[in-house]
All heavy atoms as atom14 arrays in JSON, in Angstrom:
{
  "sequence": "LSGRNMADQYPLTGIATPNTPPYRLAGALSRDDDRWTFADFTGRV",
  "atom14_mask": [
    [1, 1, 1, 1, 1, 1, 1, 1, 0, 0, 0, 0, 0, 0],
    [1, 1, 1, 1, 1, 1, 0, 0, 0, 0, 0, 0, 0, 0],
    [1, 1, 1, 1, 0, 0, 0, 0, 0, 0, 0, 0, 0, 0],
    [1, 1, 1, 1, 1, 1, 1, 1, 1, 1, 1, 0, 0, 0],
    [1, 1, 1, 1, 1, 1, 1, 1, 0, 0, 0, 0, 0, 0],
    [1, 1, 1, 1, 1, 1, 1, 1, 0, 0, 0, 0, 0, 0],
    [1, 1, 1, 1, 1, 0, 0, 0, 0, 0, 0, 0, 0, 0],
    [1, 1, 1, 1, 1, 1, 1, 1, 0, 0, 0, 0, 0, 0],
    [1, 1, 1, 1, 1, 1, 1, 1, 1, 0, 0, 0, 0, 0],
    [1, 1, 1, 1, 1, 1, 1, 1, 1, 1, 1, 1, 0, 0],
    [1, 1, 1, 1, 1, 1, 1, 0, 0, 0, 0, 0, 0, 0],
    [1, 1, 1, 1, 1, 1, 1, 1, 0, 0, 0, 0, 0, 0],
    [1, 1, 1, 1, 1, 1, 1, 0, 0, 0, 0, 0, 0, 0],
    [1, 1, 1, 1, 0, 0, 0, 0, 0, 0, 0, 0, 0, 0],
    [1, 1, 1, 1, 1, 1, 1, 1, 0, 0, 0, 0, 0, 0],
    [1, 1, 1, 1, 1, 0, 0, 0, 0, 0, 0, 0, 0, 0],
    [1, 1, 1, 1, 1, 1, 1, 0, 0, 0, 0, 0, 0, 0],
    [1, 1, 1, 1, 1, 1, 1, 0, 0, 0, 0, 0, 0, 0],
    [1, 1, 1, 1, 1, 1, 1, 1, 0, 0, 0, 0, 0, 0],
    [1, 1, 1, 1, 1, 1, 1, 0, 0, 0, 0, 0, 0, 0],
    [1, 1, 1, 1, 1, 1, 1, 0, 0, 0, 0, 0, 0, 0],
    [1, 1, 1, 1, 1, 1, 1, 0, 0, 0, 0, 0, 0, 0],
    [1, 1, 1, 1, 1, 1, 1, 1, 1, 1, 1, 1, 0, 0],
    [1, 1, 1, 1, 1, 1, 1, 1, 1, 1, 1, 0, 0, 0],
    [1, 1, 1, 1, 1, 1, 1, 1, 0, 0, 0, 0, 0, 0],
    [1, 1, 1, 1, 1, 0, 0, 0, 0, 0, 0, 0, 0, 0],
    [1, 1, 1, 1, 0, 0, 0, 0, 0, 0, 0, 0, 0, 0],
    [1, 1, 1, 1, 1, 0, 0, 0, 0, 0, 0, 0, 0, 0],
    [1, 1, 1, 1, 1, 1, 1, 1, 0, 0, 0, 0, 0, 0],
    [1, 1, 1, 1, 1, 1, 0, 0, 0, 0, 0, 0, 0, 0],
    [1, 1, 1, 1, 1, 1, 1, 1, 1, 1, 1, 0, 0, 0],
    [1, 1, 1, 1, 1, 1, 1, 1, 0, 0, 0, 0, 0, 0],
    [1, 1, 1, 1, 1, 1, 1, 1, 0, 0, 0, 0, 0, 0],
    [1, 1, 1, 1, 1, 1, 1, 1, 0, 0, 0, 0, 0, 0],
    [1, 1, 1, 1, 1, 1, 1, 1, 1, 1, 1, 0, 0, 0],
    [1, 1, 1, 1, 1, 1, 1, 1, 1, 1, 1, 1, 1, 1],
    [1, 1, 1, 1, 1, 1, 1, 0, 0, 0, 0, 0, 0, 0],
    [1, 1, 1, 1, 1, 1, 1, 1, 1, 1, 1, 0, 0, 0],
    [1, 1, 1, 1, 1, 0, 0, 0, 0, 0, 0, 0, 0, 0],
    [1, 1, 1, 1, 1, 1, 1, 1, 0, 0, 0, 0, 0, 0],
    [1, 1, 1, 1, 1, 1, 1, 1, 1, 1, 1, 0, 0, 0],
    [1, 1, 1, 1, 1, 1, 1, 0, 0, 0, 0, 0, 0, 0],
    [1, 1, 1, 1, 0, 0, 0, 0, 0, 0, 0, 0, 0, 0],
    [1, 1, 1, 1, 1, 1, 1, 1, 1, 1, 1, 0, 0, 0],
    [1, 1, 1, 1, 1, 1, 1, 0, 0, 0, 0, 0, 0, 0]
  ],
  "atom14_positions": [
    [[-22.78, -9.82, 1.61], [-21.4, -10.24, 1.86], [-21.18, -10.37, 3.36], [-21.53, -9.47, 4.13], [-20.44, -9.2, 1.27], [-18.94, -9.45, 1.41], [-18.52, -10.66, 0.6], [-18.16, -8.21, 0.96], [0.0, 0.0, 0.0], [0.0, 0.0, 0.0], [0.0, 0.0, 0.0], [0.0, 0.0, 0.0], [0.0, 0.0, 0.0], [0.0, 0.0, 0.0]],
    [[-20.62, -11.49, 3.79], [-20.34, -11.68, 5.21], [-19.04, -12.45, 5.36], [-18.61, -13.17, 4.45], [-21.49, -12.43, 5.9], [-21.65, -13.72, 5.33], [0.0, 0.0, 0.0], [0.0, 0.0, 0.0], [0.0, 0.0, 0.0], [0.0, 0.0, 0.0], [0.0, 0.0, 0.0], [0.0, 0.0, 0.0], [0.0, 0.0, 0.0], [0.0, 0.0, 0.0]],
    [[-18.41, -12.29, 6.51], [-17.15, -12.99, 6.75], [-16.59, -12.67, 8.12], [-17.18, -11.92, 8.9], [0.0, 0.0, 0.0], [0.0, 0.0, 0.0], [0.0, 0.0, 0.0], [0.0, 0.0, 0.0], [0.0, 0.0, 0.0], [0.0, 0.0, 0.0], [0.0, 0.0, 0.0], [0.0, 0.0, 0.0], [0.0, 0.0, 0.0], [0.0, 0.0, 0.0]],
    [[-15.44, -13.22, 8.39], [-14.85, -13.05, 9.71], [-13.92, -11.85, 9.78], [-13.62, -11.35, 10.87], [-14.08, -14.31, 10.08], [-12.94, -14.66, 9.14], [-12.44, -16.06, 9.32], [-11.37, -16.39, 8.38], [-10.98, -17.63, 8.12], [-11.55, -18.66, 8.75], [-10.01, -17.87, 7.26], [0.0, 0.0, 0.0], [0.0, 0.0, 0.0], [0.0, 0.0, 0.0]],
    [[-13.43, -11.36, 8.61], [-12.5, -10.24, 8.61], [-12.47, -9.63, 7.21], [-12.2, -10.33, 6.22], [-11.1, -10.72, 9.01], [-10.13, -9.56, 9.25], [-10.33, -8.44, 8.77], [-9.07, -9.84, 9.99], [0.0, 0.0, 0.0], [0.0, 0.0, 0.0], [0.0, 0.0, 0.0], [0.0, 0.0, 0.0], [0.0, 0.0, 0.0], [0.0, 0.0, 0.0]],
    [[-12.76, -8.32, 7.09], [-12.76, -7.69, 5.78], [-11.4, -7.74, 5.1], [-11.31, -7.74, 3.86], [-13.2, -6.22, 5.91], [-14.68, -6.03, 6.11], [-15.11, -4.27, 5.99], [-16.85, -4.34, 6.45], [0.0, 0.0, 0.0], [0.0, 0.0, 0.0], [0.0, 0.0, 0.0], [0.0, 0.0, 0.0], [0.0, 0.0, 0.0], [0.0, 0.0, 0.0]],
    [[-10.35, -7.79, 5.88], [-9.01, -7.84, 5.28], [-8.81, -9.11, 4.45], [-7.96, -9.14, 3.56], [-7.95, -7.74, 6.38], [0.0, 0.0, 0.0], [0.0, 0.0, 0.0], [0.0, 0.0, 0.0], [0.0, 0.0, 0.0], [0.0, 0.0, 0.0], [0.0, 0.0, 0.0], [0.0, 0.0, 0.0], [0.0, 0.0, 0.0], [0.0, 0.0, 0.0]],
    [[-9.6, -10.15, 4.72], [-9.47, -11.39, 3.95], [-9.9, -11.21, 2.5], [-9.61, -12.07, 1.66], [-10.33, -12.5, 4.59], [-9.81, -12.92, 5.95], [-8.62, -12.66, 6.23], [-10.59, -13.49, 6.74], [0.0, 0.0, 0.0], [0.0, 0.0, 0.0], [0.0, 0.0, 0.0], [0.0, 0.0, 0.0], [0.0, 0.0, 0.0], [0.0, 0.0, 0.0]],
    [[-10.61, -10.12, 2.19], [-11.11, -9.92, 0.83], [-10.08, -9.34, -0.11], [-10.33, -9.24, -1.32], [-12.34, -8.99, 0.85], [-13.49, -9.5, 1.68], [-13.89, -10.9, 1.28], [-13.97, -11.22, 0.11], [-14.11, -11.75, 2.28], [0.0, 0.0, 0.0], [0.0, 0.0, 0.0], [0.0, 0.0, 0.0], [0.0, 0.0, 0.0], [0.0, 0.0, 0.0]],
    [[-8.92, -8.97, 0.41], [-7.92, -8.35, -0.47], [-7.54, -9.23, -1.66], [-7.45, -8.72, -2.8], [-6.67, -7.98, 0.34], [-5.57, -7.41, -0.54], [-5.66, -6.11, -1.04], [-4.46, -8.19, -0.89], [-4.67, -5.59, -1.86], [-3.47, -7.67, -1.7], [-3.58, -6.37, -2.19], [-2.6, -5.87, -3.01], [0.0, 0.0, 0.0], [0.0, 0.0, 0.0]],
    [[-7.31, -10.53, -1.49], [-6.96, -11.34, -2.68], [-8.04, -11.34, -3.75], [-7.74, -11.51, -4.94], [-6.76, -12.75, -2.09], [-6.41, -12.52, -0.66], [-7.23, -11.33, -0.26], [0.0, 0.0, 0.0], [0.0, 0.0, 0.0], [0.0, 0.0, 0.0], [0.0, 0.0, 0.0], [0.0, 0.0, 0.0], [0.0, 0.0, 0.0], [0.0, 0.0, 0.0]],
    [[-9.31, -11.17, -3.35], [-10.39, -11.17, -4.33], [-10.62, -9.81, -4.96], [-10.85, -9.69, -6.17], [-11.7, -11.65, -3.67], [-11.74, -13.1, -3.22], [-13.07, -13.39, -2.54], [-11.56, -14.04, -4.41], [0.0, 0.0, 0.0], [0.0, 0.0, 0.0], [0.0, 0.0, 0.0], [0.0, 0.0, 0.0], [0.0, 0.0, 0.0], [0.0, 0.0, 0.0]],
    [[-10.57, -8.75, -4.15], [-10.93, -7.41, -4.63], [-9.74, -6.54, -4.98], [-9.88, -5.59, -5.76], [-11.77, -6.69, -3.57], [-10.96, -6.48, -2.39], [-12.99, -7.51, -3.18], [0.0, 0.0, 0.0], [0.0, 0.0, 0.0], [0.0, 0.0, 0.0], [0.0, 0.0, 0.0], [0.0, 0.0, 0.0], [0.0, 0.0, 0.0], [0.0, 0.0, 0.0]],
    [[-8.58, -6.83, -4.4], [-7.43, -5.96, -4.61], [-7.5, -4.69, -3.77], [-6.66, -3.8, -3.92], [0.0, 0.0, 0.0], [0.0, 0.0, 0.0], [0.0, 0.0, 0.0], [0.0, 0.0, 0.0], [0.0, 0.0, 0.0], [0.0, 0.0, 0.0], [0.0, 0.0, 0.0], [0.0, 0.0, 0.0], [0.0, 0.0, 0.0], [0.0, 0.0, 0.0]],
    [[-8.5, -4.59, -2.88], [-8.66, -3.4, -2.04], [-8.16, -3.72, -0.64], [-8.65, -4.65, 0.01], [-10.14, -2.97, -1.98], [-10.66, -2.68, -3.39], [-10.3, -1.75, -1.09], [-12.15, -2.4, -3.42], [0.0, 0.0, 0.0], [0.0, 0.0, 0.0], [0.0, 0.0, 0.0], [0.0, 0.0, 0.0], [0.0, 0.0, 0.0], [0.0, 0.0, 0.0]],
    [[-7.18, -2.96, -0.17], [-6.63, -3.17, 1.17], [-7.53, -2.52, 2.2], [-7.8, -1.32, 2.13], [-5.22, -2.61, 1.26], [0.0, 0.0, 0.0], [0.0, 0.0, 0.0], [0.0, 0.0, 0.0], [0.0, 0.0, 0.0], [0.0, 0.0, 0.0], [0.0, 0.0, 0.0], [0.0, 0.0, 0.0], [0.0, 0.0, 0.0], [0.0, 0.0, 0.0]],
    [[-8.03, -3.32, 3.13], [-8.86, -2.8, 4.22], [-8.23, -3.19, 5.55], [-7.48, -4.18, 5.63], [-10.29, -3.37, 4.14], [-10.23, -4.79, 4.3], [-10.94, -3.04, 2.8], [0.0, 0.0, 0.0], [0.0, 0.0, 0.0], [0.0, 0.0, 0.0], [0.0, 0.0, 0.0], [0.0, 0.0, 0.0], [0.0, 0.0, 0.0], [0.0, 0.0, 0.0]],
    [[-8.54, -2.47, 6.61], [-8.01, -2.86, 7.93], [-8.69, -4.12, 8.43], [-9.73, -4.54, 7.91], [-8.36, -1.65, 8.81], [-9.55, -1.03, 8.14], [-9.35, -1.23, 6.66], [0.0, 0.0, 0.0], [0.0, 0.0, 0.0], [0.0, 0.0, 0.0], [0.0, 0.0, 0.0], [0.0, 0.0, 0.0], [0.0, 0.0, 0.0], [0.0, 0.0, 0.0]],
    [[-8.1, -4.72, 9.42], [-8.74, -5.86, 10.07], [-10.04, -5.42, 10.72], [-10.15, -4.3, 11.23], [-7.82, -6.46, 11.13], [-6.61, -7.15, 10.52], [-6.75, -7.86, 9.52], [-5.44, -6.91, 11.08], [0.0, 0.0, 0.0], [0.0, 0.0, 0.0], [0.0, 0.0, 0.0], [0.0, 0.0, 0.0], [0.0, 0.0, 0.0], [0.0, 0.0, 0.0]],
    [[-11.02, -6.3, 10.71], [-12.31, -5.99, 11.31], [-12.83, -7.21, 12.06], [-12.39, -8.34, 11.81], [-13.36, -5.6, 10.24], [-13.67, -6.77, 9.46], [-12.85, -4.49, 9.35], [0.0, 0.0, 0.0], [0.0, 0.0, 0.0], [0.0, 0.0, 0.0], [0.0, 0.0, 0.0], [0.0, 0.0, 0.0], [0.0, 0.0, 0.0], [0.0, 0.0, 0.0]],
    [[-13.78, -7.0, 12.96], [-14.51, -8.14, 13.53], [-15.39, -8.76, 12.45], [-15.51, -8.23, 11.34], [-15.35, -7.51, 14.65], [-14.82, -6.13, 14.84], [-14.21, -5.72, 13.55], [0.0, 0.0, 0.0], [0.0, 0.0, 0.0], [0.0, 0.0, 0.0], [0.0, 0.0, 0.0], [0.0, 0.0, 0.0], [0.0, 0.0, 0.0], [0.0, 0.0, 0.0]],
    [[-16.04, -9.87, 12.76], [-16.97, -10.47, 11.79], [-18.01, -9.45, 11.32], [-18.47, -8.61, 12.09], [-17.61, -11.62, 12.57], [-16.56, -12.01, 13.56], [-15.89, -10.72, 13.96], [0.0, 0.0, 0.0], [0.0, 0.0, 0.0], [0.0, 0.0, 0.0], [0.0, 0.0, 0.0], [0.0, 0.0, 0.0], [0.0, 0.0, 0.0], [0.0, 0.0, 0.0]],
    [[-18.38, -9.54, 10.07], [-19.24, -8.52, 9.46], [-20.29, -9.16, 8.57], [-20.17, -10.32, 8.15], [-18.38, -7.56, 8.62], [-17.73, -8.26, 7.44], [-18.35, -8.3, 6.19], [-16.51, -8.92, 7.59], [-17.76, -8.96, 5.14], [-15.93, -9.59, 6.53], [-16.55, -9.61, 5.3], [-15.98, -10.28, 4.26], [0.0, 0.0, 0.0], [0.0, 0.0, 0.0]],
    [[-21.32, -8.38, 8.29], [-22.33, -8.76, 7.31], [-22.89, -7.48, 6.7], [-23.42, -6.62, 7.43], [-23.46, -9.57, 7.95], [-24.56, -9.98, 6.96], [-25.65, -10.78, 7.66], [-26.72, -11.14, 6.74], [-26.71, -12.23, 5.98], [-25.68, -13.07, 6.04], [-27.73, -12.48, 5.18], [0.0, 0.0, 0.0], [0.0, 0.0, 0.0], [0.0, 0.0, 0.0]],
    [[-22.81, -7.35, 5.36], [-23.25, -6.16, 4.65], [-24.11, -6.57, 3.46], [-23.89, -7.62, 2.84], [-22.06, -5.34, 4.15], [-21.05, -4.86, 5.21], [-19.84, -4.23, 4.54], [-21.7, -3.87, 6.18], [0.0, 0.0, 0.0], [0.0, 0.0, 0.0], [0.0, 0.0, 0.0], [0.0, 0.0, 0.0], [0.0, 0.0, 0.0], [0.0, 0.0, 0.0]],
    [[-25.08, -5.72, 3.12], [-25.94, -5.97, 1.97], [-26.21, -4.65, 1.27], [-26.46, -3.62, 1.93], [-27.25, -6.63, 2.39], [0.0, 0.0, 0.0], [0.0, 0.0, 0.0], [0.0, 0.0, 0.0], [0.0, 0.0, 0.0], [0.0, 0.0, 0.0], [0.0, 0.0, 0.0], [0.0, 0.0, 0.0], [0.0, 0.0, 0.0], [0.0, 0.0, 0.0]],
    [[-26.15, -4.66, -0.07], [-26.38, -3.44, -0.82], [-26.47, -3.72, -2.31], [-26.6, -4.87, -2.74], [0.0, 0.0, 0.0], [0.0, 0.0, 0.0], [0.0, 0.0, 0.0], [0.0, 0.0, 0.0], [0.0, 0.0, 0.0], [0.0, 0.0, 0.0], [0.0, 0.0, 0.0], [0.0, 0.0, 0.0], [0.0, 0.0, 0.0], [0.0, 0.0, 0.0]],
    [[-26.39, -2.65, -3.09], [-26.51, -2.74, -4.56], [-25.13, -2.63, -5.18], [-24.47, -1.59, -5.08], [-27.42, -1.64, -5.08], [0.0, 0.0, 0.0], [0.0, 0.0, 0.0], [0.0, 0.0, 0.0], [0.0, 0.0, 0.0], [0.0, 0.0, 0.0], [0.0, 0.0, 0.0], [0.0, 0.0, 0.0], [0.0, 0.0, 0.0], [0.0, 0.0, 0.0]],
    [[-24.7, -3.7, -5.83], [-23.41, -3.73, -6.51], [-23.62, -3.52, -8.0], [-24.5, -4.15, -8.61], [-22.72, -5.08, -6.26], [-21.38, -5.28, -6.99], [-20.31, -4.38, -6.38], [-20.95, -6.74, -6.93], [0.0, 0.0, 0.0], [0.0, 0.0, 0.0], [0.0, 0.0, 0.0], [0.0, 0.0, 0.0], [0.0, 0.0, 0.0], [0.0, 0.0, 0.0]],
    [[-22.82, -2.65, -8.6], [-22.91, -2.43, -10.04], [-21.52, -2.23, -10.61], [-20.59, -1.8, -9.91], [-23.79, -1.22, -10.36], [-23.23, -0.03, -9.85], [0.0, 0.0, 0.0], [0.0, 0.0, 0.0], [0.0, 0.0, 0.0], [0.0, 0.0, 0.0], [0.0, 0.0, 0.0], [0.0, 0.0, 0.0], [0.0, 0.0, 0.0], [0.0, 0.0, 0.0]],
    [[-21.4, -2.56, -11.9], [-20.13, -2.36, -12.59], [-20.39, -1.64, -13.9], [-21.32, -1.97, -14.64], [-19.44, -3.69, -12.88], [-18.14, -3.51, -13.64], [-17.44, -4.8, -13.96], [-16.15, -4.53, -14.59], [-15.31, -5.47, -15.03], [-15.63, -6.76, -14.92], [-14.17, -5.13, -15.6], [0.0, 0.0, 0.0], [0.0, 0.0, 0.0], [0.0, 0.0, 0.0]],
    [[-19.57, -0.64, -14.19], [-19.59, 0.08, -15.46], [-18.15, 0.18, -15.94], [-17.43, 1.12, -15.62], [-20.22, 1.46, -15.3], [-20.41, 2.18, -16.62], [-20.05, 1.6, -17.67], [-20.92, 3.31, -16.62], [0.0, 0.0, 0.0], [0.0, 0.0, 0.0], [0.0, 0.0, 0.0], [0.0, 0.0, 0.0], [0.0, 0.0, 0.0], [0.0, 0.0, 0.0]],
    [[-17.72, -0.85, -16.69], [-16.33, -0.97, -17.13], [-15.4, -1.0, -15.91], [-15.47, -1.92, -15.12], [-15.96, 0.15, -18.1], [-16.62, -0.05, -19.47], [-16.92, -1.22, -19.81], [-16.85, 0.94, -20.18], [0.0, 0.0, 0.0], [0.0, 0.0, 0.0], [0.0, 0.0, 0.0], [0.0, 0.0, 0.0], [0.0, 0.0, 0.0], [0.0, 0.0, 0.0]],
    [[-14.55, 0.02, -15.73], [-13.57, 0.0, -14.64], [-14.12, 0.54, -13.33], [-13.4, 0.6, -12.34], [-12.34, 0.83, -15.04], [-11.51, 0.14, -16.11], [-11.58, -1.09, -16.2], [-10.79, 0.84, -16.85], [0.0, 0.0, 0.0], [0.0, 0.0, 0.0], [0.0, 0.0, 0.0], [0.0, 0.0, 0.0], [0.0, 0.0, 0.0], [0.0, 0.0, 0.0]],
    [[-15.37, 0.96, -13.31], [-15.93, 1.55, -12.1], [-16.88, 0.56, -11.42], [-17.84, 0.09, -12.02], [-16.67, 2.85, -12.43], [-17.34, 3.5, -11.23], [-17.96, 4.81, -11.6], [-16.93, 5.78, -12.02], [-17.19, 6.99, -12.49], [-18.45, 7.39, -12.61], [-16.21, 7.79, -12.85], [0.0, 0.0, 0.0], [0.0, 0.0, 0.0], [0.0, 0.0, 0.0]],
    [[-16.6, 0.28, -10.15], [-17.44, -0.58, -9.33], [-18.08, 0.27, -8.24], [-17.41, 1.12, -7.62], [-16.62, -1.69, -8.68], [-16.04, -2.69, -9.64], [-14.96, -2.49, -10.45], [-16.48, -4.01, -9.86], [-14.71, -3.63, -11.18], [-15.62, -4.58, -10.84], [-17.5, -4.78, -9.34], [-15.77, -5.88, -11.29], [-17.66, -6.08, -9.79], [-16.81, -6.62, -10.75]],
    [[-19.36, 0.03, -7.98], [-20.08, 0.78, -6.95], [-20.85, -0.18, -6.06], [-21.57, -1.06, -6.55], [-21.06, 1.78, -7.58], [-20.33, 2.65, -8.47], [-21.73, 2.62, -6.52], [0.0, 0.0, 0.0], [0.0, 0.0, 0.0], [0.0, 0.0, 0.0], [0.0, 0.0, 0.0], [0.0, 0.0, 0.0], [0.0, 0.0, 0.0], [0.0, 0.0, 0.0]],
    [[-20.67, -0.01, -4.76], [-21.45, -0.74, -3.76], [-22.25, 0.32, -3.01], [-21.74, 0.98, -2.11], [-20.53, -1.52, -2.83], [-21.23, -2.48, -1.92], [-22.37, -3.17, -2.32], [-20.76, -2.72, -0.63], [-23.02, -4.06, -1.47], [-21.39, -3.61, 0.22], [-22.52, -4.28, -0.21], [0.0, 0.0, 0.0], [0.0, 0.0, 0.0], [0.0, 0.0, 0.0]],
    [[-23.52, 0.5, -3.42], [-24.3, 1.66, -2.99], [-25.39, 1.25, -2.0], [-25.91, 0.14, -2.03], [-24.93, 2.35, -4.2], [0.0, 0.0, 0.0], [0.0, 0.0, 0.0], [0.0, 0.0, 0.0], [0.0, 0.0, 0.0], [0.0, 0.0, 0.0], [0.0, 0.0, 0.0], [0.0, 0.0, 0.0], [0.0, 0.0, 0.0], [0.0, 0.0, 0.0]],
    [[-25.7, 2.21, -1.13], [-26.8, 2.05, -0.17], [-26.68, 0.76, 0.63], [-27.69, 0.1, 0.93], [-28.15, 2.07, -0.9], [-28.42, 3.41, -1.58], [-27.99, 4.43, -1.03], [-29.04, 3.41, -2.66], [0.0, 0.0, 0.0], [0.0, 0.0, 0.0], [0.0, 0.0, 0.0], [0.0, 0.0, 0.0], [0.0, 0.0, 0.0], [0.0, 0.0, 0.0]],
    [[-25.47, 0.4, 1.01], [-25.33, -0.84, 1.79], [-25.56, -0.56, 3.27], [-25.33, 0.54, 3.77], [-23.96, -1.47, 1.55], [-22.79, -0.71, 2.1], [-22.43, -0.8, 3.44], [-22.02, 0.1, 1.27], [-21.35, -0.11, 3.95], [-20.94, 0.79, 1.76], [-20.6, 0.7, 3.1], [0.0, 0.0, 0.0], [0.0, 0.0, 0.0], [0.0, 0.0, 0.0]],
    [[-26.03, -1.58, 3.93], [-26.25, -1.51, 5.37], [-25.8, -2.83, 5.97], [-25.71, -3.85, 5.28], [-27.74, -1.3, 5.71], [-28.52, -2.38, 5.17], [-28.24, 0.03, 5.16], [0.0, 0.0, 0.0], [0.0, 0.0, 0.0], [0.0, 0.0, 0.0], [0.0, 0.0, 0.0], [0.0, 0.0, 0.0], [0.0, 0.0, 0.0], [0.0, 0.0, 0.0]],
    [[-25.53, -2.82, 7.28], [-25.14, -4.05, 7.94], [-24.44, -3.79, 9.25], [-24.55, -2.7, 9.83], [0.0, 0.0, 0.0], [0.0, 0.0, 0.0], [0.0, 0.0, 0.0], [0.0, 0.0, 0.0], [0.0, 0.0, 0.0], [0.0, 0.0, 0.0], [0.0, 0.0, 0.0], [0.0, 0.0, 0.0], [0.0, 0.0, 0.0], [0.0, 0.0, 0.0]],
    [[-23.68, -4.78, 9.67], [-23.0, -4.7, 10.95], [-21.57, -5.17, 10.81], [-21.26, -6.07, 10.02], [-23.72, -5.52, 12.01], [-25.19, -5.16, 12.2], [-25.75, -5.75, 13.46], [-25.18, -5.13, 14.67], [-25.61, -3.98, 15.17], [-26.6, -3.31, 14.58], [-25.07, -3.49, 16.26], [0.0, 0.0, 0.0], [0.0, 0.0, 0.0], [0.0, 0.0, 0.0]],
    [[-20.71, -4.53, 11.57], [-19.31, -4.93, 11.71], [-19.06, -5.12, 13.19], [-19.03, -4.13, 13.95], [-18.35, -3.89, 11.11], [-16.9, -4.34, 11.3], [-18.64, -3.67, 9.63], [0.0, 0.0, 0.0], [0.0, 0.0, 0.0], [0.0, 0.0, 0.0], [0.0, 0.0, 0.0], [0.0, 0.0, 0.0], [0.0, 0.0, 0.0], [0.0, 0.0, 0.0]]
  ]
}
């Protein structure tokens, strides 16, 4: 996942995050019904 500002993801994820510089993250995404996990991610902000 990469972008210019993490706050832009709120319409997609419903999670409010603060404004950030451009970022790039990579990790393991999983879903188990209502539980979402983004584990062991690494990257830069």
